[in-house]
């Protein structure tokens, strides 16, 4: 019906009407909060490019996890920064590494909080790439798979509720699922970074995780940003290999991919609002160019509206407080 019979503004006149007809709802239950764990005690190293984000020792990360739980956020995802790096990333699958220690400590202190463990070698290798290198300097896909599987096993045995392979090696989901099932850990969820793009938005994360590659870049194994059909192939392959949850990363620049995956596959879909997305909003807000709360929540609503069921975001704590305020 044309104007003046139909007036959409009638249902926007006040907050109660807007709440009643709102199509997309953002909830604290949607969030996963990333945490960076380092060796030591009493360590809270601020990440220069990510205001309010810290590298935390295990005692500090337990306190942070307890706060996350109090805010109603259901899960955290852990990234480790080891004391020592080598060519094989051996601390990434050491049962006494910082991530397994942190998992055990969090699950003892906050047993109801879900703990996800990111699975990759880039934080642990001295060359900063996500797998083992051939003599010519290329990442060797197949020789990397057993190490990713071993890391997943170590994290699951420490008590992780989910493991999240982020390396983008072909076949890693089946390798991880197989080793978990062989060790009576079939209850552990596999969250696949299925469509992980080679993005310029990862820069601040590499400060936080100390994982920048020593040479070259990751375009040979992360996805090419112009591609959409390839994302569907990656998701389909990972589901066939046993992934329980699939992920699109980054979130904001790839809302079309989130929507397409959501419309194609009937499985839980996560999206990672990455460090660059977070830092851009923080920097603009620090200069009084934008309203941080309004823009952060708007960006999260956009991700949810595109079809994400789960949002990994550094805004999780702030957003939980803002949502509680109404």
Foldseek 3Di string as FASTA:
>chain_A
DDPPVDDVCVQVVDDVSCVVPPDFDDALQQEEEEAEEEDDPPDFADQVLFPPHTHYHLVVVLVVLVLSVVLVRQEYEYAYQYPAAALALVLLLDLPHRLLVSLLSNCVRPVRHAYEYEFFSLNRHPQLAGAHADPVGDHDQPVRLLVSLSSLVSNVVSPHQEYEYDRQRPPNLLSNCVSCVVVVNNRRAYEYQQQFAQDPLAVSVCSRSVRAGNDDGNPVRHHHVVDQVVSVVSVVSNVVSPHQEYEYPAQQVVLVNQLVCQVPDDGAYEHENHRSNNSVLVVCVVVVNDDSLVVVVVSVSSSVVSPHSHYYYNCSSVNSVVVVVD
